[in-house]
Amino acid sequence: MLAAEAQEGTSMTRGAWLTWLPYATLAVSVLLVIAAGDAVVEPPDLRLILLAVAGTAVWIAFWVTSHPRWNERRVLMVVFLLGMLGWFALLVWMSPLFGFFTWTGYLFIGYALDGLWRLPAVLPVAAIAALSQVGGVPTLSAEGGYIFWAFAVLINVLIAGVMFYVEIQTEKNSIRRAQMIEELAEANRKLEQALKENAGLHAQLLVQAREAGMLDERQRMAGEIHDVLAQGLTGIVTQLEAAEADPVSRPHHLTSAKRLARESLTEARRSVQALRPQQLDGVALPDALRDVVRGWSERTGVRADLVTTGPPRRLLPEIEATLLRTAQEGLANVARHAGAGRVGLTLSYMEDVVTLDVRDDGAGFDPAQPCVANAEGGFGLRAMRERLARIAGSLEVESEPGGGTALSACVPAIAVGAGACPGPA
């Protein structure tokens, strides 16, 4: 499109010159012929000259002025140029002073023909122009007249040919640059479209992962109810039945039943709290993490610091909830197993992802060994990975015995309202 516009712009420039320049040079030539009289050569009758001038002007007006779009039709333009060559030859035969007009034939060549087709058309125009330059037809009959005329033709062909060749190369370079710009613009449009489609696919993947995560969460909750609450209730029933059957040991069985009831109640509360992090209600994620870190540090007596990098922004609720849960479980693991003296958390907002790093200077462990997933403390590293995988995230663990532990959670940075409507967390 840009290449076509560049070529069309060149044609429009020539068309602007052709709207007045041929008529002006033709009028000047007529005035010179009238002023010179028979001083140059014996001209034909002035009425014949004016008739030829009128015919030439009408020819130009019909083919160029009245039908400017005809320059896109090769056959018509060849007919036009052949006619112009005839008028040029007739006028120069009448008077060599029409040489002021014949050089406009080069403009007509550029207007009517494209590319290398212009070069062979230069020869007849150069021959007529050279004839006017050497003094007209009578000069040919003089001694050496044809040689002189041939030399003038050669000079005209060389000058006009070089000019047209340079112009053709310039047009090709302009068209090539316009094509490159158009191709780059098209590539940018395709890249932008691909990025939009990728964002849509990413959001769609997140929705699907969220739906799969909800199903997994239900299954996990069902397993916890079966493994913990149901077993606790079964133990309570067993202790109450034993108390009824053995009055002597009734106080012991009742005490055991109360203990099981409290433990089951604690597990029930923990399971309910795991469904929705209350810290995020109306609070930004960095502030919620800061409250979690402060509360954990006060309870454990271990120094914990939070650093936030990058401009914070609101993410989808399930992403923020997962990061908060990851921080809570990471701190819980530090409190249970690490024996650390200091913990550092870093929340990093980047263009495409958000990362949460939890580092401690505790005992560490061998990542190659199976990790402990303690049901009493929430979920272990395996459960962390599963929770992060539900939102297309990942978890990296670096640790060694005596060298502390570093957890790095990475999640997509999908803001609220980007790509998909957030569903329930």
Protein backbone atom coordinates (compact mmCIF):
# COMPACT_ATOMS: atom_id res chain seq x y z
CA MET A 1 0.00 0.00 0.00
CA LEU A 2 2.78 2.42 0.92
CA ALA A 3 4.72 1.41 -2.20
CA ALA A 4 1.69 2.16 -4.36
CA GLU A 5 1.28 5.51 -2.60
CA ALA A 6 4.94 6.35 -3.23
CA GLN A 7 4.62 5.57 -6.94
CA GLU A 8 1.32 7.44 -7.12
CA GLY A 9 2.94 10.44 -5.44
CA THR A 10 5.64 10.55 -8.14
CA SER A 11 2.98 10.39 -10.88
CA MET A 12 0.97 13.17 -9.21
CA THR A 13 4.10 15.37 -9.12
CA ARG A 14 4.62 14.91 -12.86
CA GLY A 15 0.92 15.47 -13.46
CA ALA A 16 1.14 18.80 -11.61
CA TRP A 17 3.95 19.95 -13.92
CA LEU A 18 2.08 18.78 -17.01
CA THR A 19 -0.99 20.83 -16.14
CA TRP A 20 0.67 24.08 -17.26
CA LEU A 21 4.32 23.63 -18.33
CA PRO A 22 3.71 22.17 -21.86
CA TYR A 23 1.21 24.90 -22.67
CA ALA A 24 3.60 27.60 -21.38
CA THR A 25 6.60 26.34 -23.38
CA LEU A 26 4.41 25.92 -26.46
CA ALA A 27 3.20 29.52 -26.15
CA VAL A 28 6.79 30.78 -25.67
CA SER A 29 7.90 28.88 -28.76
CA VAL A 30 5.11 30.44 -30.81
CA LEU A 31 6.11 33.91 -29.63
CA LEU A 32 9.74 33.23 -30.54
CA VAL A 33 8.73 32.03 -34.00
CA ILE A 34 6.62 35.13 -34.57
CA ALA A 35 9.33 37.46 -33.24
CA ALA A 36 12.11 35.82 -35.27
CA GLY A 37 10.15 35.81 -38.51
CA ASP A 38 12.41 34.37 -41.22
CA ALA A 39 15.63 35.23 -39.34
CA VAL A 40 16.27 31.61 -38.43
CA VAL A 41 14.86 29.69 -41.37
CA GLU A 42 12.09 30.37 -43.77
CA PRO A 43 9.02 29.18 -41.81
CA PRO A 44 5.86 27.96 -43.44
CA ASP A 45 2.79 30.10 -43.43
CA LEU A 46 1.99 31.37 -39.92
CA ARG A 47 -1.53 29.99 -40.21
CA LEU A 48 -0.14 26.47 -40.67
CA ILE A 49 2.09 26.94 -37.63
CA LEU A 50 -0.81 28.13 -35.48
CA LEU A 51 -2.92 25.23 -36.77
CA ALA A 52 -0.18 22.74 -35.76
CA VAL A 53 0.20 24.43 -32.37
CA ALA A 54 -3.55 24.23 -31.79
CA GLY A 55 -3.57 20.54 -32.76
CA THR A 56 -0.71 19.87 -30.34
CA ALA A 57 -2.46 21.71 -27.49
CA VAL A 58 -5.71 19.82 -28.13
CA TRP A 59 -3.82 16.49 -28.18
CA ILE A 60 -2.23 17.23 -24.80
CA ALA A 61 -5.50 18.52 -23.33
CA PHE A 62 -7.38 15.38 -24.42
CA TRP A 63 -4.86 12.77 -23.28
CA VAL A 64 -3.38 14.43 -20.18
CA THR A 65 -5.53 17.26 -18.86
CA SER A 66 -8.96 15.71 -19.49
CA HIS A 67 -8.05 12.09 -18.72
CA PRO A 68 -5.30 12.07 -16.04
CA ARG A 69 -6.06 8.46 -15.06
CA TRP A 70 -5.18 7.16 -18.50
CA ASN A 71 -1.50 7.17 -17.58
CA GLU A 72 -2.17 3.81 -15.82
CA ARG A 73 -3.12 2.18 -19.15
CA ARG A 74 -0.02 1.20 -21.09
CA VAL A 75 -1.57 0.84 -24.59
CA LEU A 76 -3.27 4.23 -24.47
CA MET A 77 -0.08 5.90 -23.29
CA VAL A 78 1.90 4.37 -26.18
CA VAL A 79 -0.65 5.83 -28.58
CA PHE A 80 -0.36 9.20 -26.82
CA LEU A 81 3.46 9.20 -27.03
CA LEU A 82 3.44 8.24 -30.72
CA GLY A 83 1.10 11.14 -31.39
CA MET A 84 3.29 13.51 -29.39
CA LEU A 85 6.36 12.43 -31.36
CA GLY A 86 4.48 13.26 -34.53
CA TRP A 87 3.53 16.74 -33.27
CA PHE A 88 7.12 17.35 -32.06
CA ALA A 89 8.53 16.37 -35.44
CA LEU A 90 6.01 18.53 -37.31
CA LEU A 91 6.67 21.60 -35.17
CA VAL A 92 10.47 21.28 -35.35
CA TRP A 93 10.18 20.80 -39.14
CA MET A 94 8.23 24.07 -39.28
CA SER A 95 10.71 25.92 -37.03
CA PRO A 96 13.68 24.80 -34.90
CA LEU A 97 12.59 27.35 -32.30
CA PHE A 98 10.01 24.80 -31.13
CA GLY A 99 12.95 23.05 -29.51
CA PHE A 100 11.97 24.99 -26.36
CA PHE A 101 8.81 22.92 -26.39
CA THR A 102 10.17 19.54 -27.48
CA TRP A 103 12.18 18.92 -24.29
CA THR A 104 8.86 18.52 -22.46
CA GLY A 105 8.74 15.18 -24.25
CA TYR A 106 10.95 13.83 -21.44
CA LEU A 107 8.25 14.79 -18.95
CA PHE A 108 5.67 12.99 -21.08
CA ILE A 109 7.88 9.86 -21.13
CA GLY A 110 8.05 9.83 -17.33
CA TYR A 111 4.31 10.44 -17.15
CA ALA A 112 3.25 7.74 -19.62
CA LEU A 113 5.77 4.93 -19.05
CA ASP A 114 7.10 3.06 -16.01
CA GLY A 115 10.52 1.68 -15.15
CA LEU A 116 12.97 0.70 -17.87
CA TRP A 117 10.35 1.23 -20.59
CA ARG A 118 11.31 4.91 -20.47
CA LEU A 119 14.86 4.36 -21.72
CA PRO A 120 14.03 3.28 -25.33
CA ALA A 121 11.51 6.13 -25.56
CA VAL A 122 14.31 8.61 -24.92
CA LEU A 123 15.86 8.04 -28.39
CA PRO A 124 13.12 9.52 -30.64
CA VAL A 125 12.59 12.50 -28.32
CA ALA A 126 16.36 13.09 -28.21
CA ALA A 127 16.53 12.86 -32.03
CA ILE A 128 13.83 15.52 -32.49
CA ALA A 129 15.34 17.76 -29.77
CA ALA A 130 18.80 17.42 -31.35
CA LEU A 131 17.34 18.36 -34.74
CA SER A 132 16.01 21.60 -33.30
CA GLN A 133 19.36 22.25 -31.58
CA VAL A 134 21.37 21.94 -34.80
CA GLY A 135 19.12 24.35 -36.67
CA GLY A 136 16.29 22.27 -38.07
CA VAL A 137 15.83 20.14 -41.18
CA PRO A 138 17.75 22.44 -43.57
CA THR A 139 20.93 21.82 -41.58
CA LEU A 140 20.87 18.13 -42.52
CA SER A 141 21.42 18.99 -46.17
CA ALA A 142 24.61 20.88 -45.36
CA GLU A 143 28.04 19.18 -45.41
CA GLY A 144 28.51 17.12 -42.28
CA GLY A 145 25.01 17.95 -41.16
CA TYR A 146 24.03 14.37 -40.36
CA ILE A 147 27.23 13.81 -38.41
CA PHE A 148 26.66 16.95 -36.39
CA TRP A 149 23.05 15.92 -35.79
CA ALA A 150 24.06 12.36 -34.79
CA PHE A 151 26.57 13.78 -32.30
CA ALA A 152 23.85 16.01 -30.81
CA VAL A 153 21.50 13.02 -30.61
CA LEU A 154 24.19 11.05 -28.75
CA ILE A 155 24.71 13.85 -26.24
CA ASN A 156 20.95 14.18 -25.66
CA VAL A 157 20.51 10.42 -25.27
CA LEU A 158 23.36 10.19 -22.76
CA ILE A 159 22.10 13.10 -20.64
CA ALA A 160 18.44 12.09 -20.72
CA GLY A 161 19.26 8.38 -20.32
CA VAL A 162 21.41 8.99 -17.24
CA MET A 163 18.75 11.22 -15.71
CA PHE A 164 16.02 8.65 -16.31
CA TYR A 165 18.20 5.81 -15.02
CA VAL A 166 18.89 7.72 -11.80
CA GLU A 167 15.20 8.51 -11.48
CA ILE A 168 14.25 4.86 -12.01
CA GLN A 169 16.70 3.72 -9.32
CA THR A 170 15.43 6.40 -6.95
CA GLU A 171 11.85 5.27 -7.51
CA LYS A 172 12.83 1.64 -6.92
CA ASN A 173 14.57 2.57 -3.67
CA SER A 174 11.56 4.60 -2.56
CA ILE A 175 9.20 1.74 -3.39
CA ARG A 176 11.50 -0.74 -1.64
CA ARG A 177 11.64 1.47 1.48
CA ALA A 178 7.88 1.88 1.42
CA GLN A 179 7.45 -1.90 1.12
CA MET A 180 9.83 -2.47 4.04
CA ILE A 181 7.91 0.04 6.16
CA GLU A 182 4.65 -1.63 5.20
CA GLU A 183 6.05 -5.07 6.01
CA LEU A 184 7.32 -3.83 9.37
CA ALA A 185 3.95 -2.27 10.13
CA GLU A 186 2.22 -5.53 9.20
CA ALA A 187 4.65 -7.48 11.37
CA ASN A 188 3.95 -5.11 14.26
CA ARG A 189 0.21 -5.54 13.77
CA LYS A 190 0.58 -9.33 13.74
CA LEU A 191 2.81 -9.21 16.82
CA GLU A 192 0.30 -7.02 18.65
CA GLN A 193 -2.50 -9.36 17.66
CA ALA A 194 -0.45 -12.36 18.78
CA LEU A 195 0.21 -10.70 22.13
CA LYS A 196 -3.49 -10.04 22.56
CA GLU A 197 -4.32 -13.62 21.63
CA ASN A 198 -1.61 -14.86 23.99
CA ALA A 199 -3.06 -12.75 26.81
CA GLY A 200 -6.51 -14.15 26.06
CA LEU A 201 -5.20 -17.71 26.00
CA HIS A 202 -3.31 -17.11 29.22
CA ALA A 203 -6.45 -15.78 30.88
CA GLN A 204 -8.45 -18.70 29.49
CA LEU A 205 -5.83 -21.12 30.83
CA LEU A 206 -6.08 -19.43 34.19
CA VAL A 207 -9.86 -19.80 34.18
CA GLN A 208 -9.54 -23.48 33.34
CA ALA A 209 -6.84 -23.91 35.97
CA ARG A 210 -9.04 -22.15 38.50
CA GLU A 211 -11.94 -24.46 37.71
CA ALA A 212 -9.66 -27.49 37.99
CA GLY A 213 -8.28 -26.04 41.20
CA MET A 214 -11.74 -25.65 42.65
CA LEU A 215 -12.40 -29.32 41.92
CA ASP A 216 -9.06 -30.30 43.45
CA GLU A 217 -9.81 -28.13 46.48
CA ARG A 218 -13.14 -29.85 46.95
CA GLN A 219 -11.44 -33.21 46.73
CA ARG A 220 -8.78 -32.10 49.19
CA MET A 221 -11.41 -30.82 51.60
CA ALA A 222 -13.32 -34.07 51.25
CA GLY A 223 -10.15 -35.99 52.03
CA GLU A 224 -9.43 -33.81 55.06
CA ILE A 225 -12.99 -34.24 56.34
CA HIS A 226 -12.73 -37.97 55.87
CA ASP A 227 -9.22 -38.34 57.25
CA VAL A 228 -9.44 -35.86 60.13
CA LEU A 229 -12.96 -34.79 61.06
CA ALA A 230 -14.61 -38.12 60.37
CA GLN A 231 -11.92 -39.95 62.31
CA GLY A 232 -12.23 -37.47 65.16
CA LEU A 233 -15.98 -37.90 65.33
CA THR A 234 -15.55 -41.65 65.20
CA GLY A 235 -13.12 -41.44 68.10
CA ILE A 236 -15.54 -39.30 70.10
CA VAL A 237 -18.34 -41.81 69.57
CA THR A 238 -16.01 -44.65 70.56
CA GLN A 239 -14.95 -42.87 73.77
CA LEU A 240 -18.57 -42.08 74.71
CA GLU A 241 -19.61 -45.68 74.12
CA ALA A 242 -16.73 -46.86 76.28
CA ALA A 243 -17.75 -44.44 79.03
CA GLU A 244 -21.25 -45.87 79.01
CA ALA A 245 -19.97 -49.45 79.13
CA ASP A 246 -17.37 -48.90 81.89
CA PRO A 247 -18.48 -46.53 84.66
CA VAL A 248 -15.16 -46.90 86.48
CA SER A 249 -13.08 -45.45 83.66
CA ARG A 250 -15.81 -43.02 82.54
CA PRO A 251 -13.86 -39.86 83.53
CA HIS A 252 -10.90 -40.95 81.42
CA HIS A 253 -13.09 -41.66 78.39
CA LEU A 254 -14.95 -38.37 78.76
CA THR A 255 -11.65 -36.50 78.96
CA SER A 256 -10.48 -38.23 75.77
CA ALA A 257 -13.78 -37.43 74.05
CA LYS A 258 -13.44 -33.73 74.99
CA ARG A 259 -9.88 -33.66 73.69
CA LEU A 260 -10.93 -35.24 70.37
CA ALA A 261 -13.84 -32.79 70.10
CA ARG A 262 -11.50 -29.80 70.57
CA GLU A 263 -9.03 -31.15 68.03
CA SER A 264 -11.82 -31.77 65.51
CA LEU A 265 -13.18 -28.26 66.09
CA THR A 266 -9.69 -26.81 65.49
CA GLU A 267 -9.37 -28.78 62.27
CA ALA A 268 -12.82 -27.65 61.13
CA ARG A 269 -11.90 -24.01 61.74
CA ARG A 270 -8.58 -24.42 59.95
CA SER A 271 -10.29 -25.98 56.93
CA VAL A 272 -12.85 -23.17 56.76
CA GLN A 273 -10.14 -20.50 57.05
CA ALA A 274 -8.19 -22.19 54.27
CA LEU A 275 -11.03 -21.49 51.86
CA ARG A 276 -10.67 -17.72 51.99
CA PRO A 277 -7.81 -15.61 53.37
CA GLN A 278 -9.47 -13.00 55.56
CA GLN A 279 -6.34 -10.81 55.44
CA LEU A 280 -7.13 -9.83 51.83
CA ASP A 281 -10.60 -8.44 52.54
CA GLY A 282 -10.30 -4.83 51.37
CA VAL A 283 -6.49 -4.87 51.79
CA ALA A 284 -3.76 -4.83 49.14
CA LEU A 285 -1.53 -7.89 48.92
CA PRO A 286 1.68 -6.15 50.16
CA ASP A 287 -0.19 -4.82 53.20
CA ALA A 288 -1.75 -8.21 53.89
CA LEU A 289 1.67 -9.89 53.65
CA ARG A 290 3.13 -7.25 55.95
CA ASP A 291 0.46 -8.00 58.57
CA VAL A 292 1.10 -11.75 58.23
CA VAL A 293 4.86 -11.28 58.62
CA ARG A 294 4.44 -8.96 61.61
CA GLY A 295 2.02 -11.32 63.37
CA TRP A 296 4.22 -14.34 62.69
CA SER A 297 7.30 -12.54 64.03
CA GLU A 298 5.47 -11.52 67.23
CA ARG A 299 4.26 -15.08 67.85
CA THR A 300 7.56 -16.83 67.17
CA GLY A 301 10.06 -14.21 68.33
CA VAL A 302 11.97 -14.62 65.04
CA ARG A 303 12.85 -11.51 63.06
CA ALA A 304 11.03 -11.39 59.72
CA ASP A 305 11.25 -8.63 57.07
CA LEU A 306 9.21 -7.98 53.92
CA VAL A 307 10.57 -6.09 50.89
CA THR A 308 8.36 -5.12 47.92
CA THR A 309 9.91 -4.26 44.53
CA GLY A 310 8.19 -2.91 41.42
CA PRO A 311 4.92 -0.98 41.26
CA PRO A 312 2.23 -2.98 43.12
CA ARG A 313 -1.06 -3.60 41.31
CA ARG A 314 -4.22 -5.55 42.02
CA LEU A 315 -4.15 -9.09 40.65
CA LEU A 316 -6.89 -11.64 40.24
CA PRO A 317 -8.19 -12.70 43.68
CA GLU A 318 -7.08 -16.31 43.31
CA ILE A 319 -3.52 -15.20 42.45
CA GLU A 320 -3.26 -12.92 45.49
CA ALA A 321 -4.83 -15.58 47.72
CA THR A 322 -2.32 -18.18 46.50
CA LEU A 323 0.64 -15.88 47.17
CA LEU A 324 -0.67 -15.11 50.65
CA ARG A 325 -1.19 -18.80 51.42
CA THR A 326 2.30 -19.56 50.11
CA ALA A 327 3.79 -16.96 52.46
CA GLN A 328 1.78 -18.32 55.41
CA GLU A 329 2.77 -21.92 54.76
CA GLY A 330 6.39 -20.96 54.13
CA LEU A 331 6.53 -19.15 57.47
CA ALA A 332 4.73 -22.04 59.17
CA ASN A 333 7.35 -24.47 57.82
CA VAL A 334 10.12 -22.18 59.10
CA ALA A 335 8.55 -22.10 62.55
CA ARG A 336 8.08 -25.89 62.67
CA HIS A 337 11.25 -27.19 61.10
CA ALA A 338 13.94 -24.57 60.38
CA GLY A 339 14.95 -23.22 63.79
CA ALA A 340 15.90 -20.00 61.98
CA GLY A 341 17.03 -16.74 63.55
CA ARG A 342 15.94 -14.52 60.67
CA VAL A 343 13.52 -14.73 57.75
CA GLY A 344 13.29 -12.48 54.69
CA LEU A 345 10.41 -12.21 52.23
CA THR A 346 10.56 -10.39 48.87
CA LEU A 347 7.48 -9.63 46.78
CA SER A 348 8.51 -8.60 43.25
CA TYR A 349 6.08 -7.10 40.71
CA MET A 350 7.41 -7.51 37.17
CA GLU A 351 5.84 -6.94 33.78
CA ASP A 352 4.57 -10.48 33.16
CA VAL A 353 5.03 -12.28 36.46
CA VAL A 354 4.98 -11.71 40.21
CA THR A 355 7.39 -13.61 42.43
CA LEU A 356 7.44 -14.25 46.18
CA ASP A 357 10.70 -15.35 47.79
CA VAL A 358 10.89 -16.72 51.36
CA ARG A 359 14.43 -17.18 52.73
CA ASP A 360 15.61 -18.31 56.15
CA ASP A 361 18.95 -19.02 57.81
CA GLY A 362 17.74 -22.20 59.52
CA ALA A 363 18.76 -25.84 59.47
CA GLY A 364 17.84 -26.48 55.87
CA PHE A 365 17.32 -29.92 54.34
CA ASP A 366 18.15 -32.04 51.34
CA PRO A 367 15.61 -31.28 48.57
CA ALA A 368 16.28 -34.68 47.05
CA GLN A 369 14.75 -36.37 50.10
CA PRO A 370 10.96 -36.68 50.43
CA CYS A 371 9.52 -33.62 52.11
CA VAL A 372 7.19 -33.79 55.08
CA ALA A 373 3.62 -32.67 54.48
CA ASN A 374 2.36 -32.18 57.99
CA ALA A 375 -1.43 -32.21 58.10
CA GLU A 376 -1.45 -30.34 61.39
CA GLY A 377 0.31 -27.36 59.85
CA GLY A 378 -1.53 -26.97 56.55
CA PHE A 379 0.25 -28.31 53.49
CA GLY A 380 3.89 -29.01 52.62
CA LEU A 381 6.02 -28.22 49.60
CA ARG A 382 4.16 -30.68 47.39
CA ALA A 383 0.83 -29.09 48.25
CA MET A 384 2.35 -25.62 47.63
CA ARG A 385 3.36 -26.66 44.12
CA GLU A 386 -0.11 -28.06 43.46
CA ARG A 387 -1.79 -24.87 44.64
CA LEU A 388 0.52 -22.72 42.50
CA ALA A 389 0.06 -25.00 39.48
CA ARG A 390 -3.69 -24.33 39.61
CA ILE A 391 -3.04 -20.73 38.58
CA ALA A 392 -0.24 -21.59 36.09
CA GLY A 393 2.43 -20.79 38.69
CA SER A 394 5.54 -22.62 39.85
CA LEU A 395 7.61 -23.16 42.99
CA GLU A 396 11.40 -23.48 43.17
CA VAL A 397 13.17 -24.72 46.31
CA GLU A 398 16.85 -24.26 47.17
CA SER A 399 18.22 -25.70 50.40
CA GLU A 400 21.01 -27.71 51.93
CA PRO A 401 21.57 -29.07 55.43
CA GLY A 402 22.83 -26.23 57.61
CA GLY A 403 22.56 -23.69 54.83
CA GLY A 404 18.99 -22.44 55.22
CA THR A 405 16.13 -22.65 52.74
CA ALA A 406 14.86 -20.41 49.92
CA LEU A 407 11.42 -20.77 48.37
CA SER A 408 10.58 -18.87 45.17
CA ALA A 409 6.96 -18.80 43.97
CA CYS A 410 6.27 -17.40 40.49
CA VAL A 411 2.75 -16.59 39.25
CA PRO A 412 1.39 -14.78 36.15
CA ALA A 413 0.81 -11.08 36.65
CA ILE A 414 -2.80 -10.96 35.44
CA ALA A 415 -4.46 -7.81 36.72
CA VAL A 416 -8.09 -7.57 37.68
CA GLY A 417 -10.22 -7.17 34.53
CA ALA A 418 -7.45 -8.30 32.12
CA GLY A 419 -8.62 -10.90 29.62
CA ALA A 420 -11.18 -12.72 31.72
CA CYS A 421 -13.69 -11.94 34.38
CA PRO A 422 -12.50 -13.23 37.72
CA GLY A 423 -14.65 -15.92 39.18
CA PRO A 424 -14.99 -16.85 42.80
CA ALA A 425 -11.70 -17.52 44.54
